[in-house]
Amino acid sequence: WVGILLSFGGVAVISLAKGADGALIGYGALLVAVVSIA
């Protein structure tokens, strides 16, 4: 459970960082991809 919380926090840090145009959509697609493969 500690690992799960840390991992979600790390993903949030990566996803909310400033990046290229469309980056948020890209991170969203990757997160859905992670759920689908899981």
Full PDB file with SEQRES, HELIX, SHEET, SSBOND, CRYST1, ORIGX, SCALE, CONECT and MASTER records, all heavy atoms in Angstrom:
SEQRES   1 A   38  TRP VAL GLY ILE LEU LEU SER PHE GLY GLY VAL ALA VAL          
SEQRES   2 A   38  ILE SER LEU ALA LYS GLY ALA ASP GLY ALA LEU ILE GLY          
SEQRES   3 A   38  TYR GLY ALA LEU LEU VAL ALA VAL VAL SER ILE ALA              
HELIX    1 AA1 VAL A    2  SER A   15  1                                  14    
HELIX    2 AA2 ALA A   23  ILE A   37  1                                  15    
CRYST1    1.000    1.000    1.000  90.00  90.00  90.00 P 1           1          
ORIGX1      1.000000  0.000000  0.000000        0.00000                         
ORIGX2      0.000000  1.000000  0.000000        0.00000                         
ORIGX3      0.000000  0.000000  1.000000        0.00000                         
SCALE1      1.000000  0.000000  0.000000        0.00000                         
SCALE2      0.000000  1.000000  0.000000        0.00000                         
SCALE3      0.000000  0.000000  1.000000        0.00000                         
ATOM      1  N   TRP A   1       0.825  -1.212   0.000  1.00  0.00           N  
ATOM      2  CA  TRP A   1       0.000   0.000   0.000  1.00  0.00           C  
ATOM      3  C   TRP A   1       0.860   1.263   0.000  1.00  0.00           C  
ATOM      4  O   TRP A   1       0.543   2.239  -0.682  1.00  0.00           O  
ATOM      5  CB  TRP A   1      -0.944  -0.004   1.209  1.00  0.00           C  
ATOM      6  CG  TRP A   1      -2.094  -0.949   1.049  1.00  0.00           C  
ATOM      7  CD1 TRP A   1      -2.329  -2.101   1.736  1.00  0.00           C  
ATOM      8  CD2 TRP A   1      -3.165  -0.827   0.106  1.00  0.00           C  
ATOM      9  NE1 TRP A   1      -3.485  -2.705   1.282  1.00  0.00           N  
ATOM     10  CE2 TRP A   1      -4.021  -1.951   0.295  1.00  0.00           C  
ATOM     11  CE3 TRP A   1      -3.496   0.109  -0.876  1.00  0.00           C  
ATOM     12  CZ2 TRP A   1      -5.168  -2.151  -0.465  1.00  0.00           C  
ATOM     13  CZ3 TRP A   1      -4.647  -0.081  -1.630  1.00  0.00           C  
ATOM     14  CH2 TRP A   1      -5.463  -1.205  -1.423  1.00  0.00           C  
ATOM     15  N   VAL A   2       1.960   1.233   0.740  1.00  0.00           N  
ATOM     16  CA  VAL A   2       2.892   2.368   0.709  1.00  0.00           C  
ATOM     17  C   VAL A   2       3.457   2.532  -0.700  1.00  0.00           C  
ATOM     18  O   VAL A   2       3.554   3.651  -1.228  1.00  0.00           O  
ATOM     19  CB  VAL A   2       4.041   2.167   1.730  1.00  0.00           C  
ATOM     20  CG1 VAL A   2       5.108   3.249   1.551  1.00  0.00           C  
ATOM     21  CG2 VAL A   2       3.501   2.201   3.150  1.00  0.00           C  
ATOM     22  N   GLY A   3       3.821   1.405  -1.313  1.00  0.00           N  
ATOM     23  CA  GLY A   3       4.352   1.448  -2.675  1.00  0.00           C  
ATOM     24  C   GLY A   3       3.356   1.990  -3.677  1.00  0.00           C  
ATOM     25  O   GLY A   3       3.703   2.760  -4.575  1.00  0.00           O  
ATOM     26  N   ILE A   4       2.094   1.600  -3.510  1.00  0.00           N  
ATOM     27  CA  ILE A   4       1.039   2.085  -4.408  1.00  0.00           C  
ATOM     28  C   ILE A   4       0.883   3.602  -4.293  1.00  0.00           C  
ATOM     29  O   ILE A   4       0.812   4.315  -5.302  1.00  0.00           O  
ATOM     30  CB  ILE A   4      -0.293   1.367  -4.090  1.00  0.00           C  
ATOM     31  CG1 ILE A   4      -0.232  -0.086  -4.583  1.00  0.00           C  
ATOM     32  CG2 ILE A   4      -1.479   2.094  -4.733  1.00  0.00           C  
ATOM     33  CD1 ILE A   4      -1.356  -0.955  -4.072  1.00  0.00           C  
ATOM     34  N   LEU A   5       0.844   4.103  -3.063  1.00  0.00           N  
ATOM     35  CA  LEU A   5       0.705   5.545  -2.861  1.00  0.00           C  
ATOM     36  C   LEU A   5       1.901   6.310  -3.417  1.00  0.00           C  
ATOM     37  O   LEU A   5       1.741   7.357  -4.063  1.00  0.00           O  
ATOM     38  CB  LEU A   5       0.531   5.838  -1.363  1.00  0.00           C  
ATOM     39  CG  LEU A   5      -0.788   5.363  -0.730  1.00  0.00           C  
ATOM     40  CD1 LEU A   5      -0.762   5.574   0.773  1.00  0.00           C  
ATOM     41  CD2 LEU A   5      -1.976   6.091  -1.355  1.00  0.00           C  
ATOM     42  N   LEU A   6       3.099   5.807  -3.176  1.00  0.00           N  
ATOM     43  CA  LEU A   6       4.296   6.457  -3.712  1.00  0.00           C  
ATOM     44  C   LEU A   6       4.275   6.476  -5.238  1.00  0.00           C  
ATOM     45  O   LEU A   6       4.598   7.489  -5.869  1.00  0.00           O  
ATOM     46  CB  LEU A   6       5.556   5.723  -3.227  1.00  0.00           C  
ATOM     47  CG  LEU A   6       6.031   6.018  -1.801  1.00  0.00           C  
ATOM     48  CD1 LEU A   6       7.189   5.099  -1.435  1.00  0.00           C  
ATOM     49  CD2 LEU A   6       6.472   7.485  -1.687  1.00  0.00           C  
ATOM     50  N   SER A   7       3.905   5.348  -5.841  1.00  0.00           N  
ATOM     51  CA  SER A   7       3.899   5.257  -7.300  1.00  0.00           C  
ATOM     52  C   SER A   7       2.901   6.230  -7.919  1.00  0.00           C  
ATOM     53  O   SER A   7       3.205   6.904  -8.910  1.00  0.00           O  
ATOM     54  CB  SER A   7       3.573   3.822  -7.734  1.00  0.00           C  
ATOM     55  OG  SER A   7       4.569   2.932  -7.286  1.00  0.00           O  
ATOM     56  N   PHE A   8       1.707   6.312  -7.329  1.00  0.00           N  
ATOM     57  CA  PHE A   8       0.725   7.263  -7.839  1.00  0.00           C  
ATOM     58  C   PHE A   8       1.226   8.697  -7.683  1.00  0.00           C  
ATOM     59  O   PHE A   8       0.990   9.547  -8.549  1.00  0.00           O  
ATOM     60  CB  PHE A   8      -0.615   7.091  -7.124  1.00  0.00           C  
ATOM     61  CG  PHE A   8      -1.459   5.993  -7.682  1.00  0.00           C  
ATOM     62  CD1 PHE A   8      -1.974   5.002  -6.861  1.00  0.00           C  
ATOM     63  CD2 PHE A   8      -1.746   5.943  -9.030  1.00  0.00           C  
ATOM     64  CE1 PHE A   8      -2.760   3.979  -7.375  1.00  0.00           C  
ATOM     65  CE2 PHE A   8      -2.527   4.928  -9.563  1.00  0.00           C  
ATOM     66  CZ  PHE A   8      -3.027   3.938  -8.736  1.00  0.00           C  
ATOM     67  N   GLY A   9       1.922   8.963  -6.588  1.00  0.00           N  
ATOM     68  CA  GLY A   9       2.504  10.293  -6.401  1.00  0.00           C  
ATOM     69  C   GLY A   9       3.550  10.606  -7.451  1.00  0.00           C  
ATOM     70  O   GLY A   9       3.598  11.721  -7.987  1.00  0.00           O  
ATOM     71  N   GLY A  10       4.400   9.625  -7.747  1.00  0.00           N  
ATOM     72  CA  GLY A  10       5.421   9.822  -8.772  1.00  0.00           C  
ATOM     73  C   GLY A  10       4.815  10.065 -10.143  1.00  0.00           C  
ATOM     74  O   GLY A  10       5.275  10.939 -10.905  1.00  0.00           O  
ATOM     75  N   VAL A  11       3.782   9.295 -10.469  1.00  0.00           N  
ATOM     76  CA  VAL A  11       3.087   9.487 -11.753  1.00  0.00           C  
ATOM     77  C   VAL A  11       2.484  10.878 -11.833  1.00  0.00           C  
ATOM     78  O   VAL A  11       2.525  11.538 -12.881  1.00  0.00           O  
ATOM     79  CB  VAL A  11       1.998   8.400 -11.937  1.00  0.00           C  
ATOM     80  CG1 VAL A  11       1.087   8.752 -13.118  1.00  0.00           C  
ATOM     81  CG2 VAL A  11       2.639   7.039 -12.158  1.00  0.00           C  
ATOM     82  N   ALA A  12       1.922  11.354 -10.724  1.00  0.00           N  
ATOM     83  CA  ALA A  12       1.324  12.694 -10.692  1.00  0.00           C  
ATOM     84  C   ALA A  12       2.382  13.763 -10.936  1.00  0.00           C  
ATOM     85  O   ALA A  12       2.148  14.730 -11.680  1.00  0.00           O  
ATOM     86  CB  ALA A  12       0.633  12.939  -9.353  1.00  0.00           C  
ATOM     87  N   VAL A  13       3.567  13.608 -10.323  1.00  0.00           N  
ATOM     88  CA  VAL A  13       4.650  14.574 -10.527  1.00  0.00           C  
ATOM     89  C   VAL A  13       5.046  14.634 -11.999  1.00  0.00           C  
ATOM     90  O   VAL A  13       5.229  15.714 -12.576  1.00  0.00           O  
ATOM     91  CB  VAL A  13       5.878  14.197  -9.668  1.00  0.00           C  
ATOM     92  CG1 VAL A  13       7.087  15.055 -10.040  1.00  0.00           C  
ATOM     93  CG2 VAL A  13       5.555  14.383  -8.188  1.00  0.00           C  
ATOM     94  N   ILE A  14       5.168  13.467 -12.634  1.00  0.00           N  
ATOM     95  CA  ILE A  14       5.555  13.419 -14.050  1.00  0.00           C  
ATOM     96  C   ILE A  14       4.466  14.030 -14.925  1.00  0.00           C  
ATOM     97  O   ILE A  14       4.731  14.851 -15.803  1.00  0.00           O  
ATOM     98  CB  ILE A  14       5.814  11.963 -14.490  1.00  0.00           C  
ATOM     99  CG1 ILE A  14       6.996  11.376 -13.724  1.00  0.00           C  
ATOM    100  CG2 ILE A  14       6.093  11.898 -15.991  1.00  0.00           C  
ATOM    101  CD1 ILE A  14       7.176   9.878 -13.911  1.00  0.00           C  
ATOM    102  N   SER A  15       3.224  13.633 -14.678  1.00  0.00           N  
ATOM    103  CA  SER A  15       2.112  14.039 -15.540  1.00  0.00           C  
ATOM    104  C   SER A  15       1.779  15.521 -15.444  1.00  0.00           C  
ATOM    105  O   SER A  15       1.315  16.121 -16.419  1.00  0.00           O  
ATOM    106  CB  SER A  15       0.867  13.212 -15.203  1.00  0.00           C  
ATOM    107  OG  SER A  15       1.124  11.842 -15.330  1.00  0.00           O  
ATOM    108  N   LEU A  16       1.983  16.129 -14.275  1.00  0.00           N  
ATOM    109  CA  LEU A  16       1.603  17.522 -14.084  1.00  0.00           C  
ATOM    110  C   LEU A  16       2.729  18.495 -14.424  1.00  0.00           C  
ATOM    111  O   LEU A  16       2.556  19.708 -14.357  1.00  0.00           O  
ATOM    112  CB  LEU A  16       1.158  17.757 -12.636  1.00  0.00           C  
ATOM    113  CG  LEU A  16      -0.106  16.984 -12.210  1.00  0.00           C  
ATOM    114  CD1 LEU A  16      -0.420  17.232 -10.747  1.00  0.00           C  
ATOM    115  CD2 LEU A  16      -1.290  17.374 -13.084  1.00  0.00           C  
ATOM    116  N   ALA A  17       3.904  17.961 -14.804  1.00  0.00           N  
ATOM    117  CA  ALA A  17       5.019  18.829 -15.188  1.00  0.00           C  
ATOM    118  C   ALA A  17       4.713  19.510 -16.518  1.00  0.00           C  
ATOM    119  O   ALA A  17       3.975  18.994 -17.351  1.00  0.00           O  
ATOM    120  CB  ALA A  17       6.300  18.014 -15.312  1.00  0.00           C  
ATOM    121  N   LYS A  18       5.289  20.678 -16.711  1.00  0.00           N  
ATOM    122  CA  LYS A  18       5.115  21.380 -17.977  1.00  0.00           C  
ATOM    123  C   LYS A  18       5.842  20.622 -19.081  1.00  0.00           C  
ATOM    124  O   LYS A  18       6.952  20.151 -18.905  1.00  0.00           O  
ATOM    125  CB  LYS A  18       5.670  22.804 -17.882  1.00  0.00           C  
ATOM    126  CG  LYS A  18       4.897  23.705 -16.924  1.00  0.00           C  
ATOM    127  CD  LYS A  18       5.496  25.096 -16.882  1.00  0.00           C  
ATOM    128  CE  LYS A  18       4.707  25.987 -15.927  1.00  0.00           C  
ATOM    129  NZ  LYS A  18       5.291  27.347 -15.836  1.00  0.00           N  
ATOM    130  N   GLY A  19       5.196  20.507 -20.226  1.00  0.00           N  
ATOM    131  CA  GLY A  19       5.823  19.778 -21.327  1.00  0.00           C  
ATOM    132  C   GLY A  19       5.331  20.275 -22.661  1.00  0.00           C  
ATOM    133  O   GLY A  19       4.836  21.393 -22.783  1.00  0.00           O  
ATOM    134  N   ALA A  20       5.443  19.408 -23.664  1.00  0.00           N  
ATOM    135  CA  ALA A  20       5.036  19.773 -25.012  1.00  0.00           C  
ATOM    136  C   ALA A  20       3.524  19.872 -25.101  1.00  0.00           C  
ATOM    137  O   ALA A  20       2.792  19.387 -24.241  1.00  0.00           O  
ATOM    138  CB  ALA A  20       5.548  18.718 -25.997  1.00  0.00           C  
ATOM    139  N   ASP A  21       3.044  20.533 -26.161  1.00  0.00           N  
ATOM    140  CA  ASP A  21       1.611  20.626 -26.393  1.00  0.00           C  
ATOM    141  C   ASP A  21       1.020  19.219 -26.517  1.00  0.00           C  
ATOM    142  O   ASP A  21       1.567  18.365 -27.200  1.00  0.00           O  
ATOM    143  CB  ASP A  21       1.340  21.407 -27.688  1.00  0.00           C  
ATOM    144  CG  ASP A  21       1.720  22.869 -27.548  1.00  0.00           C  
ATOM    145  OD1 ASP A  21       1.805  23.352 -26.401  1.00  0.00           O  
ATOM    146  OD2 ASP A  21       1.950  23.518 -28.585  1.00  0.00           O  
ATOM    147  N   GLY A  22      -0.100  19.012 -25.867  1.00  0.00           N  
ATOM    148  CA  GLY A  22      -0.744  17.706 -25.927  1.00  0.00           C  
ATOM    149  C   GLY A  22      -0.166  16.702 -24.957  1.00  0.00           C  
ATOM    150  O   GLY A  22      -0.561  15.542 -24.959  1.00  0.00           O  
ATOM    151  N   ALA A  23       0.791  17.134 -24.095  1.00  0.00           N  
ATOM    152  CA  ALA A  23       1.432  16.195 -23.176  1.00  0.00           C  
ATOM    153  C   ALA A  23       0.431  15.588 -22.206  1.00  0.00           C  
ATOM    154  O   ALA A  23       0.502  14.392 -21.902  1.00  0.00           O  
ATOM    155  CB  ALA A  23       2.554  16.893 -22.410  1.00  0.00           C  
ATOM    156  N   LEU A  24      -0.510  16.400 -21.709  1.00  0.00           N  
ATOM    157  CA  LEU A  24      -1.480  15.889 -20.748  1.00  0.00           C  
ATOM    158  C   LEU A  24      -2.329  14.788 -21.374  1.00  0.00           C  
ATOM    159  O   LEU A  24      -2.619  13.769 -20.736  1.00  0.00           O  
ATOM    160  CB  LEU A  24      -2.366  17.029 -20.239  1.00  0.00           C  
ATOM    161  CG  LEU A  24      -3.168  16.737 -18.961  1.00  0.00           C  
ATOM    162  CD1 LEU A  24      -2.239  16.325 -17.825  1.00  0.00           C  
ATOM    163  CD2 LEU A  24      -3.996  17.945 -18.564  1.00  0.00           C  
ATOM    164  N   ILE A  25      -2.708  14.980 -22.634  1.00  0.00           N  
ATOM    165  CA  ILE A  25      -3.465  13.946 -23.352  1.00  0.00           C  
ATOM    166  C   ILE A  25      -2.604  12.699 -23.503  1.00  0.00           C  
ATOM    167  O   ILE A  25      -3.080  11.569 -23.364  1.00  0.00           O  
ATOM    168  CB  ILE A  25      -3.915  14.465 -24.734  1.00  0.00           C  
ATOM    169  CG1 ILE A  25      -4.892  15.636 -24.573  1.00  0.00           C  
ATOM    170  CG2 ILE A  25      -4.556  13.350 -25.553  1.00  0.00           C  
ATOM    171  CD1 ILE A  25      -5.281  16.296 -25.878  1.00  0.00           C  
ATOM    172  N   GLY A  26      -1.322  12.908 -23.789  1.00  0.00           N  
ATOM    173  CA  GLY A  26      -0.400  11.791 -23.934  1.00  0.00           C  
ATOM    174  C   GLY A  26      -0.274  10.989 -22.663  1.00  0.00           C  
ATOM    175  O   GLY A  26      -0.311   9.748 -22.673  1.00  0.00           O  
ATOM    176  N   TYR A  27      -0.137  11.694 -21.513  1.00  0.00           N  
ATOM    177  CA  TYR A  27      -0.040  11.002 -20.232  1.00  0.00           C  
ATOM    178  C   TYR A  27      -1.339  10.263 -19.925  1.00  0.00           C  
ATOM    179  O   TYR A  27      -1.327   9.153 -19.391  1.00  0.00           O  
ATOM    180  CB  TYR A  27       0.276  11.992 -19.112  1.00  0.00           C  
ATOM    181  CG  TYR A  27       1.703  12.482 -19.131  1.00  0.00           C  
ATOM    182  CD1 TYR A  27       1.988  13.841 -19.172  1.00  0.00           C  
ATOM    183  CD2 TYR A  27       2.770  11.586 -19.116  1.00  0.00           C  
ATOM    184  CE1 TYR A  27       3.301  14.304 -19.192  1.00  0.00           C  
ATOM    185  CE2 TYR A  27       4.080  12.033 -19.132  1.00  0.00           C  
ATOM    186  CZ  TYR A  27       4.344  13.398 -19.180  1.00  0.00           C  
ATOM    187  OH  TYR A  27       5.632  13.838 -19.202  1.00  0.00           O  
ATOM    188  N   GLY A  28      -2.455  10.881 -20.269  1.00  0.00           N  
ATOM    189  CA  GLY A  28      -3.744  10.227 -20.057  1.00  0.00           C  
ATOM    190  C   GLY A  28      -3.851   8.930 -20.839  1.00  0.00           C  
ATOM    191  O   GLY A  28      -4.307   7.910 -20.321  1.00  0.00           O  
ATOM    192  N   ALA A  29      -3.416   8.970 -22.101  1.00  0.00           N  
ATOM    193  CA  ALA A  29      -3.442   7.767 -22.944  1.00  0.00           C  
ATOM    194  C   ALA A  29      -2.542   6.678 -22.366  1.00  0.00           C  
ATOM    195  O   ALA A  29      -2.908   5.496 -22.342  1.00  0.00           O  
ATOM    196  CB  ALA A  29      -2.998   8.117 -24.369  1.00  0.00           C  
ATOM    197  N   LEU A  30      -1.362   7.077 -21.873  1.00  0.00           N  
ATOM    198  CA  LEU A  30      -0.432   6.102 -21.294  1.00  0.00           C  
ATOM    199  C   LEU A  30      -0.988   5.481 -20.011  1.00  0.00           C  
ATOM    200  O   LEU A  30      -0.821   4.287 -19.765  1.00  0.00           O  
ATOM    201  CB  LEU A  30       0.921   6.764 -21.017  1.00  0.00           C  
ATOM    202  CG  LEU A  30       1.742   7.124 -22.262  1.00  0.00           C  
ATOM    203  CD1 LEU A  30       2.905   8.028 -21.891  1.00  0.00           C  
ATOM    204  CD2 LEU A  30       2.246   5.861 -22.949  1.00  0.00           C  
ATOM    205  N   LEU A  31      -1.681   6.293 -19.207  1.00  0.00           N  
ATOM    206  CA  LEU A  31      -2.278   5.766 -17.983  1.00  0.00           C  
ATOM    207  C   LEU A  31      -3.394   4.777 -18.296  1.00  0.00           C  
ATOM    208  O   LEU A  31      -3.517   3.735 -17.643  1.00  0.00           O  
ATOM    209  CB  LEU A  31      -2.810   6.912 -17.116  1.00  0.00           C  
ATOM    210  CG  LEU A  31      -1.744   7.765 -16.422  1.00  0.00           C  
ATOM    211  CD1 LEU A  31      -2.374   8.999 -15.784  1.00  0.00           C  
ATOM    212  CD2 LEU A  31      -1.002   6.944 -15.373  1.00  0.00           C  
ATOM    213  N   VAL A  32      -4.212   5.093 -19.302  1.00  0.00           N  
ATOM    214  CA  VAL A  32      -5.259   4.143 -19.717  1.00  0.00           C  
ATOM    215  C   VAL A  32      -4.611   2.881 -20.287  1.00  0.00           C  
ATOM    216  O   VAL A  32      -5.096   1.760 -20.078  1.00  0.00           O  
ATOM    217  CB  VAL A  32      -6.208   4.790 -20.744  1.00  0.00           C  
ATOM    218  CG1 VAL A  32      -7.240   3.770 -21.228  1.00  0.00           C  
ATOM    219  CG2 VAL A  32      -6.918   5.990 -20.137  1.00  0.00           C  
ATOM    220  N   ALA A  33      -3.486   3.061 -21.004  1.00  0.00           N  
ATOM    221  CA  ALA A  33      -2.754   1.911 -21.537  1.00  0.00           C  
ATOM    222  C   ALA A  33      -2.269   1.012 -20.408  1.00  0.00           C  
ATOM    223  O   ALA A  33      -2.340  -0.226 -20.495  1.00  0.00           O  
ATOM    224  CB  ALA A  33      -1.572   2.391 -22.383  1.00  0.00           C  
ATOM    225  N   VAL A  34      -1.767   1.623 -19.331  1.00  0.00           N  
ATOM    226  CA  VAL A  34      -1.295   0.847 -18.173  1.00  0.00           C  
ATOM    227  C   VAL A  34      -2.444   0.038 -17.582  1.00  0.00           C  
ATOM    228  O   VAL A  34      -2.275  -1.139 -17.229  1.00  0.00           O  
ATOM    229  CB  VAL A  34      -0.681   1.784 -17.111  1.00  0.00           C  
ATOM    230  CG1 VAL A  34      -0.476   1.035 -15.797  1.00  0.00           C  
ATOM    231  CG2 VAL A  34       0.652   2.339 -17.595  1.00  0.00           C  
ATOM    232  N   VAL A  35      -3.617   0.653 -17.483  1.00  0.00           N  
ATOM    233  CA  VAL A  35      -4.779  -0.056 -16.934  1.00  0.00           C  
ATOM    234  C   VAL A  35      -5.179  -1.213 -17.850  1.00  0.00           C  
ATOM    235  O   VAL A  35      -5.474  -2.324 -17.386  1.00  0.00           O  
ATOM    236  CB  VAL A  35      -5.972   0.907 -16.746  1.00  0.00           C  
ATOM    237  CG1 VAL A  35      -7.232   0.136 -16.337  1.00  0.00           C  
ATOM    238  CG2 VAL A  35      -5.637   1.969 -15.699  1.00  0.00           C  
ATOM    239  N   SER A  36      -5.167  -0.976 -19.156  1.00  0.00           N  
ATOM    240  CA  SER A  36      -5.582  -2.028 -20.100  1.00  0.00           C  
ATOM    241  C   SER A  36      -4.635  -3.215 -20.064  1.00  0.00           C  
ATOM    242  O   SER A  36      -5.073  -4.376 -20.070  1.00  0.00           O  
ATOM    243  CB  SER A  36      -5.681  -1.463 -21.520  1.00  0.00           C  
ATOM    244  OG  SER A  36      -4.406  -1.141 -22.038  1.00  0.00           O  
ATOM    245  N   ILE A  37      -3.325  -2.970 -20.004  1.00  0.00           N  
ATOM    246  CA  ILE A  37      -2.377  -4.083 -19.985  1.00  0.00           C  
ATOM    247  C   ILE A  37      -2.406  -4.780 -18.622  1.00  0.00           C  
ATOM    248  O   ILE A  37      -2.177  -5.993 -18.534  1.00  0.00           O  
ATOM    249  CB  ILE A  37      -0.947  -3.595 -20.333  1.00  0.00           C  
ATOM    250  CG1 ILE A  37      -0.046  -4.785 -20.722  1.00  0.00           C  
ATOM    251  CG2 ILE A  37      -0.322  -2.820 -19.198  1.00  0.00           C  
ATOM    252  CD1 ILE A  37      -0.402  -5.449 -22.005  1.00  0.00           C  
ATOM    253  N   ALA A  38      -2.724  -4.035 -17.560  1.00  0.00           N  
ATOM    254  CA  ALA A  38      -2.840  -4.657 -16.235  1.00  0.00           C  
ATOM    255  C   ALA A  38      -4.029  -5.612 -16.201  1.00  0.00           C  
ATOM    256  O   ALA A  38      -3.938  -6.725 -15.654  1.00  0.00           O  
ATOM    257  CB  ALA A  38      -2.982  -3.577 -15.166  1.00  0.00           C  
TER     258      ALA A  38                                                      
MASTER        0    0    0    2    0    0    0    6  257    1    0    3          
END                                                                             
